[in-house]
Amino acid sequence: MINLKGVMPFAEGGNRICYIHPDDRNICLKISKPEVIKKMYQNAPWYKKLRSEKSFDDNFREEKAYQQKAIKEHQQTIWKHLAKWYEFVETSEGLASCSELITNNDKVALNLEEYLFRKGRTLEIDEALKEFEMFLKETKLLTKNIIPHNLAVKENDSGLTLKIIDGLGCMSFIPLPKISNAFADRYIKRRIELMYSRIEWDLSGRKGSWK
């Protein structure tokens, strides 16, 4: 068991808390909040309650999302824009999902939201967004809505690279994008449109709906 007593998390979202692995600074430990899972289950419509409470846990949803076809078919290229997922481990704070921690000069990389608020829409980030857009279209990697804080900004000698650190999976109630390339193309096109819409919404003061 990994002891996280006294270890401060480096990030916290609505559903999970993130720690740096105390023995390996290249690994992120994501721990779900049990009270959030319970609340999500209690507030879910009746037909979703036919599933187990475990199915509302982002860690297990993420593990399942990493089993999708695009990842299996593009093992040589997929990790350029996607943080690797490793395994589950027990910690003093609960079961943790282990994934690749994206860093720059041994510091946790900024997420895209942080980058945009600090530097705005730079030429470098626009080039990184375009490359990321092409990557999604070519690999047909299925994601939920692409929120800027779910993308890490990796610094390279040649520029910037965006890497998905959260939000993998398919939002469609009927999972046609998982089985049809045509539906996958339409689904991904919409996710890209919403990604740019969210970026503009963030930078314009978050007025109205970003969708």
Protein backbone atom coordinates (compact mmCIF):
# COMPACT_ATOMS: atom_id res chain seq x y z
CA MET A 1 0.00 0.00 0.00
CA ILE A 2 1.18 3.53 -0.85
CA ASN A 3 1.13 5.86 2.14
CA LEU A 4 -0.19 9.32 1.22
CA LYS A 5 -0.63 10.58 4.78
CA GLY A 6 0.74 14.12 4.90
CA VAL A 7 1.14 14.27 1.10
CA MET A 8 -0.56 17.29 -0.44
CA PRO A 9 -2.52 16.75 -3.67
CA PHE A 10 -1.35 18.81 -6.63
CA ALA A 11 -4.84 19.07 -8.13
CA GLU A 12 -8.45 18.44 -7.22
CA GLY A 13 -11.51 18.21 -9.45
CA GLY A 14 -15.16 17.70 -8.75
CA ASN A 15 -14.85 13.90 -8.72
CA ARG A 16 -11.20 13.06 -8.01
CA ILE A 17 -8.11 14.16 -6.13
CA CYS A 18 -4.66 13.91 -7.77
CA TYR A 19 -1.36 13.15 -6.05
CA ILE A 20 2.19 12.69 -7.30
CA HIS A 21 3.34 9.15 -6.59
CA PRO A 22 5.77 9.48 -3.64
CA ASP A 23 8.17 6.95 -5.18
CA ASP A 24 7.87 7.94 -8.84
CA ARG A 25 7.36 11.55 -9.88
CA ASN A 26 6.34 10.43 -13.36
CA ILE A 27 3.10 8.87 -12.08
CA CYS A 28 -0.15 10.59 -11.15
CA LEU A 29 -2.40 8.92 -8.57
CA LYS A 30 -6.09 9.74 -9.08
CA ILE A 31 -8.38 8.94 -6.17
CA SER A 32 -12.15 9.15 -6.52
CA LYS A 33 -14.27 10.89 -3.90
CA PRO A 34 -16.62 8.22 -2.47
CA GLU A 35 -19.18 10.79 -1.36
CA VAL A 36 -19.44 12.11 -4.93
CA ILE A 37 -19.94 8.62 -6.35
CA LYS A 38 -22.69 7.94 -3.83
CA LYS A 39 -24.43 11.23 -4.62
CA MET A 40 -24.23 10.63 -8.37
CA TYR A 41 -25.79 7.21 -7.91
CA GLN A 42 -28.57 8.55 -5.68
CA ASN A 43 -29.42 11.35 -8.15
CA ALA A 44 -29.27 9.17 -11.26
CA PRO A 45 -32.48 8.28 -13.15
CA TRP A 46 -33.92 4.85 -12.35
CA TYR A 47 -32.58 3.15 -15.48
CA LYS A 48 -29.00 4.13 -14.65
CA LYS A 49 -29.43 2.70 -11.16
CA LEU A 50 -29.75 -0.70 -12.77
CA ARG A 51 -25.96 -0.54 -12.99
CA SER A 52 -23.70 -0.89 -9.96
CA GLU A 53 -22.51 2.10 -7.95
CA LYS A 54 -19.02 1.27 -9.20
CA SER A 55 -20.06 2.31 -12.72
CA PHE A 56 -20.31 5.92 -11.49
CA ASP A 57 -16.65 5.92 -10.40
CA ASP A 58 -14.48 7.97 -12.79
CA ASN A 59 -11.51 5.68 -12.15
CA PHE A 60 -13.30 2.62 -13.48
CA ARG A 61 -14.87 4.61 -16.31
CA GLU A 62 -11.38 5.74 -17.28
CA GLU A 63 -10.00 2.18 -17.23
CA LYS A 64 -12.79 1.12 -19.59
CA ALA A 65 -12.22 4.13 -21.89
CA TYR A 66 -8.56 3.10 -22.29
CA GLN A 67 -9.73 -0.17 -23.82
CA GLN A 68 -11.30 1.52 -26.84
CA LYS A 69 -10.46 0.55 -30.41
CA ALA A 70 -8.50 3.69 -31.30
CA ILE A 71 -5.94 3.02 -28.58
CA LYS A 72 -5.52 -0.63 -29.52
CA GLU A 73 -5.07 0.23 -33.21
CA HIS A 74 -2.65 3.16 -32.79
CA GLN A 75 -0.22 1.98 -30.11
CA GLN A 76 2.75 3.58 -31.89
CA THR A 77 1.29 7.09 -32.13
CA ILE A 78 -1.58 7.45 -29.66
CA TRP A 79 0.59 8.37 -26.66
CA LYS A 80 1.84 11.57 -28.23
CA HIS A 81 -1.43 13.22 -27.28
CA LEU A 82 -2.70 10.90 -24.54
CA ALA A 83 -1.33 10.28 -21.05
CA LYS A 84 -0.63 6.60 -20.48
CA TRP A 85 -2.74 4.59 -18.06
CA TYR A 86 -1.01 1.90 -15.97
CA GLU A 87 -2.96 0.16 -13.22
CA PHE A 88 -4.89 0.46 -9.97
CA VAL A 89 -3.01 0.58 -6.66
CA GLU A 90 -4.11 0.70 -3.04
CA THR A 91 -3.23 3.83 -1.07
CA SER A 92 -3.94 5.08 2.43
CA GLU A 93 -6.53 7.42 0.88
CA GLY A 94 -8.31 4.78 -1.19
CA LEU A 95 -7.93 2.97 -4.50
CA ALA A 96 -5.90 5.04 -6.97
CA SER A 97 -5.78 5.01 -10.76
CA CYS A 98 -2.15 5.34 -11.93
CA SER A 99 -1.46 7.34 -15.07
CA GLU A 100 1.37 9.24 -16.68
CA LEU A 101 2.13 12.58 -15.03
CA ILE A 102 2.88 15.23 -17.65
CA THR A 103 5.74 17.49 -16.57
CA ASN A 104 7.93 20.29 -17.88
CA ASN A 105 11.37 20.64 -16.28
CA ASP A 106 10.28 18.30 -13.47
CA LYS A 107 7.26 20.47 -12.65
CA VAL A 108 3.64 19.47 -13.26
CA ALA A 109 2.69 20.83 -16.69
CA LEU A 110 0.12 23.59 -16.96
CA ASN A 111 -3.23 22.49 -18.21
CA LEU A 112 -4.62 24.32 -21.24
CA GLU A 113 -6.98 26.43 -19.12
CA GLU A 114 -4.07 27.68 -16.99
CA TYR A 115 -1.97 28.34 -20.08
CA LEU A 116 -4.72 30.34 -21.80
CA PHE A 117 -5.42 32.46 -18.74
CA ARG A 118 -1.71 33.25 -18.37
CA LYS A 119 -0.69 33.70 -22.00
CA GLY A 120 -3.85 33.82 -24.14
CA ARG A 121 -4.22 32.33 -27.64
CA THR A 122 -0.59 32.35 -28.69
CA LEU A 123 0.59 31.18 -32.11
CA GLU A 124 2.24 28.20 -30.43
CA ILE A 125 -0.96 27.07 -28.73
CA ASP A 126 -2.98 27.54 -31.93
CA GLU A 127 -0.51 25.28 -33.75
CA ALA A 128 -0.77 22.74 -30.93
CA LEU A 129 -4.58 22.84 -31.10
CA LYS A 130 -4.53 22.26 -34.86
CA GLU A 131 -2.19 19.29 -34.49
CA PHE A 132 -4.40 17.90 -31.70
CA GLU A 133 -7.49 18.33 -33.88
CA MET A 134 -5.87 16.34 -36.70
CA PHE A 135 -4.81 13.66 -34.25
CA LEU A 136 -8.40 13.17 -33.06
CA LYS A 137 -9.70 12.93 -36.62
CA GLU A 138 -6.99 10.50 -37.75
CA THR A 139 -7.09 8.13 -34.76
CA LYS A 140 -10.83 8.47 -34.05
CA LEU A 141 -10.05 8.59 -30.33
CA LEU A 142 -13.33 9.03 -28.44
CA THR A 143 -13.46 11.63 -25.70
CA LYS A 144 -16.12 13.33 -23.67
CA ASN A 145 -16.43 17.11 -24.14
CA ILE A 146 -12.86 18.42 -24.30
CA ILE A 147 -12.52 20.88 -21.43
CA PRO A 148 -9.24 22.89 -21.38
CA HIS A 149 -8.33 21.77 -17.86
CA ASN A 150 -8.35 18.16 -19.11
CA LEU A 151 -5.49 18.85 -21.53
CA ALA A 152 -1.89 19.20 -20.36
CA VAL A 153 0.50 21.48 -22.25
CA LYS A 154 3.76 19.64 -22.86
CA GLU A 155 6.76 21.75 -23.87
CA ASN A 156 9.04 20.34 -26.57
CA ASP A 157 12.04 21.65 -28.48
CA SER A 158 9.77 21.97 -31.51
CA GLY A 159 6.88 23.70 -29.72
CA LEU A 160 3.92 22.66 -27.62
CA THR A 161 1.95 19.41 -27.54
CA LEU A 162 -1.47 18.89 -25.98
CA LYS A 163 -2.02 15.65 -24.06
CA ILE A 164 -5.33 14.34 -22.73
CA ILE A 165 -5.15 13.76 -18.97
CA ASP A 166 -8.86 13.29 -18.28
CA GLY A 167 -12.20 13.02 -20.05
CA LEU A 168 -11.58 9.94 -22.17
CA GLY A 169 -14.64 7.99 -23.31
CA CYS A 170 -17.86 8.28 -25.29
CA MET A 171 -20.82 10.42 -24.23
CA SER A 172 -23.36 8.94 -26.63
CA PHE A 173 -26.22 7.11 -24.88
CA ILE A 174 -26.33 4.72 -27.83
CA PRO A 175 -22.61 4.06 -28.47
CA LEU A 176 -22.70 4.14 -32.27
CA PRO A 177 -19.34 6.00 -32.49
CA LYS A 178 -17.73 2.91 -30.96
CA ILE A 179 -18.84 0.64 -33.77
CA SER A 180 -19.15 2.91 -36.83
CA ASN A 181 -16.41 5.08 -38.34
CA ALA A 182 -19.01 7.37 -39.88
CA PHE A 183 -20.65 8.00 -36.52
CA ALA A 184 -17.22 8.36 -34.92
CA ASP A 185 -16.28 11.07 -37.44
CA ARG A 186 -19.46 13.02 -36.69
CA TYR A 187 -19.02 12.58 -32.96
CA ILE A 188 -15.39 13.75 -33.01
CA LYS A 189 -16.21 16.70 -35.26
CA ARG A 190 -18.75 17.86 -32.66
CA ARG A 191 -16.25 17.40 -29.79
CA ILE A 192 -13.73 19.58 -31.69
CA GLU A 193 -16.33 22.30 -32.31
CA LEU A 194 -17.23 22.31 -28.63
CA MET A 195 -13.55 22.41 -27.64
CA TYR A 196 -13.02 25.66 -29.53
CA SER A 197 -16.33 27.01 -28.23
CA ARG A 198 -15.23 26.31 -24.66
CA ILE A 199 -11.87 28.02 -25.23
CA GLU A 200 -13.58 31.15 -26.57
CA TRP A 201 -16.04 31.06 -23.67
CA ASP A 202 -13.21 30.84 -21.14
CA LEU A 203 -11.29 33.73 -22.70
CA SER A 204 -14.34 35.97 -23.15
CA GLY A 205 -15.32 36.02 -19.49
CA ARG A 206 -17.54 32.93 -19.36
CA LYS A 207 -20.76 34.70 -20.20
CA GLY A 208 -23.77 32.68 -21.29
CA SER A 209 -23.48 29.05 -22.32
CA TRP A 210 -20.29 27.74 -23.92
CA LYS A 211 -22.28 25.12 -25.83
